[in-house]
């Protein structure tokens, strides 16, 4: 019976590792969504505190004007509000999180599959031994 308890404990640990991987992948997906939100959505900027008519700004990625970095020369308030380094930092932080998530998810999944395979092989060995006897 000890082997069965050990196997169930092993599968439980593998399931927890897999769940951590899924959690990290969900965090990475949220980071990708945040990056997409920063790059694809239009936004407004207050030119003064409590501005009644904030400046309307195009999305960073889908702008039809020049680059966002041209803004200060033309007194464009949109230039400093959402800049590329912020979006790229969010995207860059998602890389190690997603790599760790994939590693944990894969490790947990493979461990569970190998445990199930080992149990199936033990059952087949028992059937073969029972036929020989």
Protein backbone atom coordinates (compact mmCIF):
# COMPACT_ATOMS: atom_id res chain seq x y z
CA UNK A 1 0.00 0.00 0.00
CA UNK A 2 2.87 2.39 0.54
CA UNK A 3 3.64 2.49 -3.19
CA UNK A 4 0.07 3.52 -3.97
CA UNK A 5 0.14 6.28 -1.33
CA UNK A 6 3.48 7.49 -2.69
CA UNK A 7 2.09 7.48 -6.22
CA UNK A 8 -0.99 9.46 -5.19
CA UNK A 9 1.19 11.95 -3.33
CA UNK A 10 3.45 12.23 -6.39
CA UNK A 11 0.45 12.93 -8.63
CA UNK A 12 -0.86 15.50 -6.17
CA UNK A 13 2.49 17.34 -6.16
CA UNK A 14 2.60 17.17 -9.96
CA UNK A 15 -0.90 18.62 -10.08
CA UNK A 16 0.14 21.51 -7.83
CA UNK A 17 3.21 22.19 -10.01
CA UNK A 18 0.98 22.17 -13.07
CA UNK A 19 -1.45 24.55 -11.37
CA UNK A 20 1.42 26.96 -10.59
CA UNK A 21 2.37 26.82 -14.26
CA UNK A 22 -1.19 27.63 -15.30
CA UNK A 23 -1.21 30.52 -12.82
CA UNK A 24 2.02 31.95 -14.20
CA UNK A 25 0.74 31.60 -17.75
CA UNK A 26 -2.40 33.48 -16.72
CA UNK A 27 -0.23 36.27 -15.25
CA UNK A 28 1.77 36.39 -18.51
CA UNK A 29 -1.49 36.58 -20.49
CA UNK A 30 -2.62 39.51 -18.33
CA UNK A 31 0.70 41.24 -19.03
CA UNK A 32 0.22 40.70 -22.77
CA UNK A 33 -3.31 42.10 -22.48
CA UNK A 34 -2.02 45.13 -20.58
CA UNK A 35 0.62 45.72 -23.27
CA UNK A 36 -2.03 45.47 -25.98
CA UNK A 37 -4.23 47.89 -24.04
CA UNK A 38 -1.38 50.39 -23.80
CA UNK A 39 -0.60 50.14 -27.51
CA UNK A 40 -4.01 49.76 -29.15
CA UNK A 41 -6.45 51.95 -27.23
CA UNK A 42 -6.91 55.71 -27.58
CA UNK A 43 -6.62 57.77 -24.41
CA UNK A 44 -7.02 61.29 -23.00
CA UNK A 45 -4.51 63.56 -21.27
CA UNK A 46 -5.20 66.48 -18.95
CA UNK A 47 -3.25 69.55 -20.06
CA UNK A 48 -3.81 71.12 -16.64
CA UNK A 49 -4.95 69.65 -13.31
CA UNK A 50 -8.74 69.12 -13.35
CA UNK A 51 -8.89 69.97 -17.05
CA UNK A 52 -12.48 70.17 -18.34
CA UNK A 53 -11.45 69.35 -21.92
CA UNK A 54 -8.60 66.81 -21.91
CA UNK A 55 -6.59 66.24 -25.06
CA UNK A 56 -7.71 63.27 -27.15
CA UNK A 57 -4.82 61.00 -28.11
CA UNK A 58 -4.64 58.26 -30.70
CA UNK A 59 -3.41 54.80 -29.83
CA UNK A 60 0.36 54.41 -29.85
CA UNK A 61 0.47 51.65 -32.42
CA UNK A 62 -2.28 52.73 -34.80
CA UNK A 63 -1.51 56.43 -35.14
CA UNK A 64 -1.69 58.07 -38.54
CA UNK A 65 0.51 60.97 -37.54
CA UNK A 66 4.26 60.92 -36.95
CA UNK A 67 5.84 59.01 -34.13
CA UNK A 68 4.90 59.73 -30.56
CA UNK A 69 8.36 61.12 -29.90
CA UNK A 70 7.69 64.13 -32.17
CA UNK A 71 5.18 65.47 -29.67
CA UNK A 72 7.24 67.78 -27.48
CA UNK A 73 8.38 69.91 -30.42
CA UNK A 74 4.74 70.50 -31.40
CA UNK A 75 3.43 70.98 -27.81
CA UNK A 76 1.62 67.66 -28.01
CA UNK A 77 0.47 66.59 -24.55
CA UNK A 78 0.04 62.98 -25.67
CA UNK A 79 3.77 62.40 -26.06
CA UNK A 80 4.70 61.80 -22.43
CA UNK A 81 1.56 60.03 -21.27
CA UNK A 82 2.03 56.62 -22.90
CA UNK A 83 5.50 55.99 -24.16
CA UNK A 84 6.98 52.88 -25.77
CA UNK A 85 9.32 51.96 -22.88
CA UNK A 86 6.38 51.35 -20.55
CA UNK A 87 4.66 48.99 -22.98
CA UNK A 88 7.89 47.23 -23.83
CA UNK A 89 8.76 46.85 -20.14
CA UNK A 90 5.42 45.11 -19.55
CA UNK A 91 6.08 42.91 -22.56
CA UNK A 92 9.63 42.17 -21.40
CA UNK A 93 8.45 41.20 -17.92
CA UNK A 94 6.02 38.73 -19.43
CA UNK A 95 8.83 36.70 -21.03
CA UNK A 96 10.39 35.19 -17.86
CA UNK A 97 6.94 34.72 -16.33
CA UNK A 98 5.70 32.81 -19.37
CA UNK A 99 8.91 30.75 -19.63
CA UNK A 100 8.61 29.74 -15.97
CA UNK A 101 4.90 28.99 -16.47
CA UNK A 102 5.55 26.79 -19.49
CA UNK A 103 8.32 24.97 -17.62
CA UNK A 104 6.16 24.29 -14.57
CA UNK A 105 3.12 23.32 -16.63
CA UNK A 106 5.18 20.93 -18.77
CA UNK A 107 6.94 19.41 -15.78
CA UNK A 108 3.67 18.82 -13.92
CA UNK A 109 1.93 17.39 -16.98
CA UNK A 110 4.78 15.05 -17.86
CA UNK A 111 5.06 13.88 -14.24
CA UNK A 112 1.36 13.04 -14.12
CA UNK A 113 1.50 11.23 -17.47
CA UNK A 114 4.55 9.22 -16.43
CA UNK A 115 2.91 8.26 -13.15
CA UNK A 116 -0.22 7.10 -14.99
CA UNK A 117 1.94 5.19 -17.46
CA UNK A 118 3.89 3.49 -14.66
CA UNK A 119 0.62 2.48 -12.98
CA UNK A 120 -0.70 1.06 -16.25
CA UNK A 121 2.52 -0.92 -16.73
CA UNK A 122 2.23 -2.34 -13.19
CA UNK A 123 -1.35 -3.40 -13.91
CA UNK A 124 -0.26 -5.08 -17.16
CA UNK A 125 2.54 -6.87 -15.32
CA UNK A 126 0.02 -8.13 -12.76
CA UNK A 127 -2.22 -9.45 -15.57
CA UNK A 128 0.72 -11.22 -17.23
CA UNK A 129 1.82 -12.74 -13.91
CA UNK A 130 -1.73 -13.90 -13.20
CA UNK A 131 -1.92 -15.66 -16.60
CA UNK A 132 1.41 -17.41 -16.03
CA UNK A 133 0.28 -18.74 -12.69
